Amino acid sequence: MSIDRKTAAEQIIQSARSLFTRGLTHGSTGNISVRTEEGILVTPTGCSLGTVSVGDLSLIDGGGGHLSGPKPSKESFLHAAVLRARPDANAVIHTHSTYSAAVSCMSGLDMDNVLPPLTAYYAMRIGQLPLLPYHAPGDAELEGLAEATAVDSHAMLLSNHGPVVAGKTLPAGMDALEELEETARLFLLLRNIPTRPLTPEQATTLSSGQRAPRA
């Protein structure tokens, strides 16, 4: 269910500061959107999440068209595409967070599911993580692919770029994004070390909201 514009703006600024101060974004990278009663509120182009203010936010429609405010992020079409595909979601976060971006640059990954379910919380908050082929930032050809992918996956990883995560609420999306980043970090730390991810049964049980069986 969408929220009012004022509440959405406050949530975006709070989340933007949190991402920036903890090093999950840098420079003018990363963007955040929330579905509101008036349209999709999204961070603007060329703006640092460390300094963005309520007055800087842009409003776009469900097709990605600019309605009001400053020029939106050049990746705002990506947010609109994911929200179209996921009527259950009301927020989208995209970052270039270090560990997730590092994984997105690796070769030999499973395009259908990049990271193994190393922890229970990853299985619950992310589940499947498809890897999308490389597109330059702002490339509109990514729109259709992202929309089709988002139908079945609320999180995706853009090759040589970074993660995109949708959530029912912005706080839920933030939790999922952070879980993805920490799992990417674990994945890199454990490279060349024998690991024991959750079994498919354990992961499926967690992602469906059921109690996990004993290991």
Protein backbone atom coordinates (compact mmCIF):
# COMPACT_ATOMS: atom_id res chain seq x y z
CA MET A 1 0.00 0.00 0.00
CA SER A 2 1.47 3.36 -1.03
CA ILE A 3 2.10 6.06 1.57
CA ASP A 4 1.78 9.83 1.54
CA ARG A 5 4.48 11.90 -0.12
CA LYS A 6 5.71 13.60 3.07
CA THR A 7 6.26 10.30 4.88
CA ALA A 8 7.94 8.79 1.83
CA ALA A 9 10.31 11.76 1.53
CA GLU A 10 11.29 11.51 5.19
CA GLN A 11 11.97 7.79 4.84
CA ILE A 12 14.08 8.32 1.72
CA ILE A 13 16.27 10.96 3.36
CA GLN A 14 16.75 8.86 6.49
CA SER A 15 17.70 5.80 4.43
CA ALA A 16 19.97 7.82 2.15
CA ARG A 17 21.95 9.12 5.13
CA SER A 18 22.20 5.64 6.59
CA LEU A 19 23.52 4.15 3.36
CA PHE A 20 26.05 6.92 2.85
CA THR A 21 27.40 7.19 6.39
CA ARG A 22 27.96 3.42 6.56
CA GLY A 23 29.79 3.32 3.24
CA LEU A 24 27.14 1.46 1.26
CA THR A 25 27.20 4.27 -1.31
CA HIS A 26 29.92 6.73 -2.30
CA GLY A 27 30.12 9.92 -4.31
CA SER A 28 26.90 10.47 -6.22
CA THR A 29 26.16 6.77 -6.68
CA GLY A 30 23.02 4.95 -5.60
CA ASN A 31 19.34 5.82 -5.75
CA ILE A 32 16.20 5.18 -3.73
CA SER A 33 12.51 5.29 -4.61
CA VAL A 34 9.20 4.91 -2.78
CA ARG A 35 5.73 4.49 -4.27
CA THR A 36 3.40 7.23 -3.01
CA GLU A 37 -0.22 8.21 -3.54
CA GLU A 38 0.94 10.78 -6.13
CA GLY A 39 3.52 8.71 -7.99
CA ILE A 40 7.01 7.34 -7.38
CA LEU A 41 9.30 9.58 -5.34
CA VAL A 42 12.94 9.06 -6.33
CA THR A 43 16.33 10.59 -5.61
CA PRO A 44 17.61 12.98 -8.32
CA THR A 45 20.43 12.62 -10.79
CA GLY A 46 23.98 13.54 -9.80
CA CYS A 47 23.22 13.88 -6.10
CA SER A 48 25.04 12.33 -3.15
CA LEU A 49 22.87 10.33 -0.77
CA GLY A 50 24.92 11.97 1.97
CA THR A 51 23.55 15.43 1.20
CA VAL A 52 20.25 14.93 -0.67
CA SER A 53 17.33 16.83 0.87
CA VAL A 54 13.55 16.57 0.67
CA GLY A 55 13.45 19.45 -1.81
CA ASP A 56 15.79 17.58 -4.17
CA LEU A 57 13.50 14.59 -4.67
CA SER A 58 11.79 13.94 -8.00
CA LEU A 59 8.35 12.54 -8.75
CA ILE A 60 7.86 10.13 -11.66
CA ASP A 61 4.89 8.12 -12.87
CA GLY A 62 4.60 4.37 -13.20
CA GLY A 63 6.04 4.48 -16.68
CA GLY A 64 9.11 6.42 -15.53
CA GLY A 65 7.89 9.76 -16.86
CA HIS A 66 9.04 12.87 -14.97
CA LEU A 67 6.12 14.56 -13.20
CA SER A 68 7.70 17.20 -10.96
CA GLY A 69 10.79 18.25 -9.03
CA PRO A 70 14.43 18.17 -10.19
CA LYS A 71 15.59 15.81 -12.92
CA PRO A 72 15.32 12.25 -11.56
CA SER A 73 18.14 9.72 -11.44
CA LYS A 74 19.07 8.43 -14.88
CA GLU A 75 18.20 5.00 -13.49
CA SER A 76 14.70 6.02 -12.38
CA PHE A 77 13.27 3.88 -15.21
CA LEU A 78 14.74 0.88 -13.41
CA HIS A 79 12.80 1.73 -10.24
CA ALA A 80 9.58 2.19 -12.19
CA ALA A 81 10.11 -1.12 -14.00
CA VAL A 82 10.62 -3.08 -10.78
CA LEU A 83 7.60 -1.48 -9.11
CA ARG A 84 5.41 -2.26 -12.12
CA ALA A 85 6.45 -5.90 -11.90
CA ARG A 86 5.92 -6.07 -8.15
CA PRO A 87 2.60 -4.60 -6.98
CA ASP A 88 3.44 -5.97 -3.52
CA ALA A 89 6.52 -3.71 -3.31
CA ASN A 90 6.55 -0.01 -2.49
CA ALA A 91 10.27 0.77 -2.43
CA VAL A 92 13.38 0.09 -4.50
CA ILE A 93 17.03 0.62 -3.53
CA HIS A 94 19.99 0.51 -5.90
CA THR A 95 23.59 0.87 -4.70
CA HIS A 96 27.13 0.23 -5.85
CA SER A 97 27.99 -1.29 -2.45
CA THR A 98 31.50 -2.70 -2.44
CA TYR A 99 31.09 -6.43 -1.85
CA SER A 100 28.00 -6.84 -4.02
CA ALA A 101 29.65 -4.84 -6.81
CA ALA A 102 32.79 -6.97 -6.47
CA VAL A 103 30.76 -10.17 -6.90
CA SER A 104 29.03 -8.64 -9.95
CA CYS A 105 32.44 -8.39 -11.64
CA MET A 106 33.36 -12.06 -11.18
CA SER A 107 33.31 -14.60 -14.00
CA GLY A 108 31.78 -18.05 -13.84
CA LEU A 109 28.76 -17.05 -11.75
CA ASP A 110 25.37 -18.76 -11.91
CA MET A 111 23.31 -16.19 -13.84
CA ASP A 112 20.09 -17.54 -12.32
CA ASN A 113 21.25 -17.40 -8.71
CA VAL A 114 24.51 -15.60 -7.99
CA LEU A 115 25.02 -16.28 -4.27
CA PRO A 116 24.51 -19.49 -2.30
CA PRO A 117 22.27 -19.34 0.80
CA LEU A 118 25.10 -19.09 3.31
CA THR A 119 22.85 -17.90 6.14
CA ALA A 120 19.23 -18.25 7.17
CA TYR A 121 18.63 -14.52 6.95
CA TYR A 122 19.88 -14.40 3.38
CA ALA A 123 17.45 -17.17 2.45
CA MET A 124 14.61 -15.29 4.16
CA ARG A 125 15.35 -11.79 2.89
CA ILE A 126 16.77 -12.45 -0.58
CA GLY A 127 16.27 -16.03 -1.74
CA GLN A 128 17.08 -16.09 -5.45
CA LEU A 129 19.50 -13.48 -6.84
CA PRO A 130 19.65 -13.44 -10.66
CA LEU A 131 22.55 -11.71 -12.41
CA LEU A 132 21.57 -9.42 -15.29
CA PRO A 133 23.95 -8.94 -18.25
CA TYR A 134 26.01 -5.76 -18.36
CA HIS A 135 24.34 -2.54 -19.49
CA ALA A 136 25.84 0.92 -19.20
CA PRO A 137 24.32 3.02 -16.40
CA GLY A 138 21.13 4.63 -17.67
CA ASP A 139 20.82 2.25 -20.64
CA ALA A 140 17.06 2.04 -21.27
CA GLU A 141 17.47 -1.42 -22.81
CA LEU A 142 17.75 -2.71 -19.25
CA GLU A 143 14.16 -1.67 -18.49
CA GLY A 144 12.33 -4.60 -20.04
CA LEU A 145 14.80 -7.15 -18.71
CA ALA A 146 14.61 -5.75 -15.19
CA GLU A 147 10.81 -5.73 -15.26
CA ALA A 148 10.66 -9.34 -16.46
CA THR A 149 13.21 -10.44 -13.85
CA ALA A 150 11.45 -8.63 -11.01
CA VAL A 151 8.26 -10.63 -11.55
CA ASP A 152 9.91 -13.62 -9.87
CA SER A 153 12.78 -11.98 -7.94
CA HIS A 154 12.58 -8.96 -5.66
CA ALA A 155 16.38 -8.66 -5.78
CA MET A 156 18.79 -8.73 -8.71
CA LEU A 157 22.44 -7.98 -9.36
CA LEU A 158 23.52 -5.88 -12.33
CA SER A 159 26.77 -7.12 -13.89
CA ASN A 160 29.78 -4.88 -13.21
CA HIS A 161 27.47 -2.51 -11.38
CA GLY A 162 25.56 -3.39 -8.20
CA PRO A 163 22.38 -4.66 -6.54
CA VAL A 164 18.76 -3.63 -6.99
CA VAL A 165 16.37 -4.64 -4.20
CA ALA A 166 12.63 -4.08 -3.79
CA GLY A 167 10.74 -4.22 -0.51
CA LYS A 168 7.17 -3.98 0.73
CA THR A 169 8.41 -0.98 2.66
CA LEU A 170 11.63 1.01 2.49
CA PRO A 171 12.86 -0.36 5.86
CA ALA A 172 12.23 -3.90 4.59
CA GLY A 173 14.13 -3.12 1.41
CA MET A 174 17.02 -1.72 3.44
CA ASP A 175 17.16 -4.89 5.53
CA ALA A 176 17.27 -7.02 2.40
CA LEU A 177 19.93 -4.89 0.73
CA GLU A 178 22.16 -5.05 3.80
CA GLU A 179 21.70 -8.83 4.06
CA LEU A 180 22.72 -9.14 0.41
CA GLU A 181 25.83 -7.03 0.97
CA GLU A 182 26.89 -9.03 4.04
CA THR A 183 26.36 -12.32 2.19
CA ALA A 184 28.44 -11.04 -0.72
CA ARG A 185 31.15 -10.22 1.81
CA LEU A 186 30.96 -13.73 3.29
CA PHE A 187 31.03 -15.23 -0.19
CA LEU A 188 34.28 -13.42 -0.98
CA LEU A 189 35.83 -14.21 2.41
CA LEU A 190 35.05 -17.90 1.97
CA ARG A 191 36.41 -18.24 -1.57
CA ASN A 192 38.58 -21.36 -1.89
CA ILE A 193 37.39 -22.54 1.54
CA PRO A 194 35.03 -25.53 1.73
CA THR A 195 31.61 -24.24 2.81
CA ARG A 196 28.30 -25.75 3.84
CA PRO A 197 25.45 -23.55 2.53
CA LEU A 198 21.88 -24.25 3.55
CA THR A 199 20.35 -27.18 1.70
CA PRO A 200 17.72 -26.43 -0.96
CA GLU A 201 15.08 -27.74 1.45
CA GLN A 202 16.25 -25.48 4.27
CA ALA A 203 16.45 -22.45 2.01
CA THR A 204 13.02 -23.07 0.48
CA THR A 205 11.43 -23.55 3.88
CA LEU A 206 12.85 -20.25 5.13
CA SER A 207 11.92 -18.28 2.02
CA SER A 208 8.34 -19.55 2.25
CA GLY A 209 8.07 -18.42 5.85
CA GLN A 210 8.00 -21.89 7.40
CA ARG A 211 10.14 -23.03 10.32
CA ALA A 212 13.52 -24.39 9.23
CA PRO A 213 14.30 -28.07 9.83
CA ARG A 214 17.22 -28.99 12.07
CA ALA A 215 20.60 -29.10 10.29
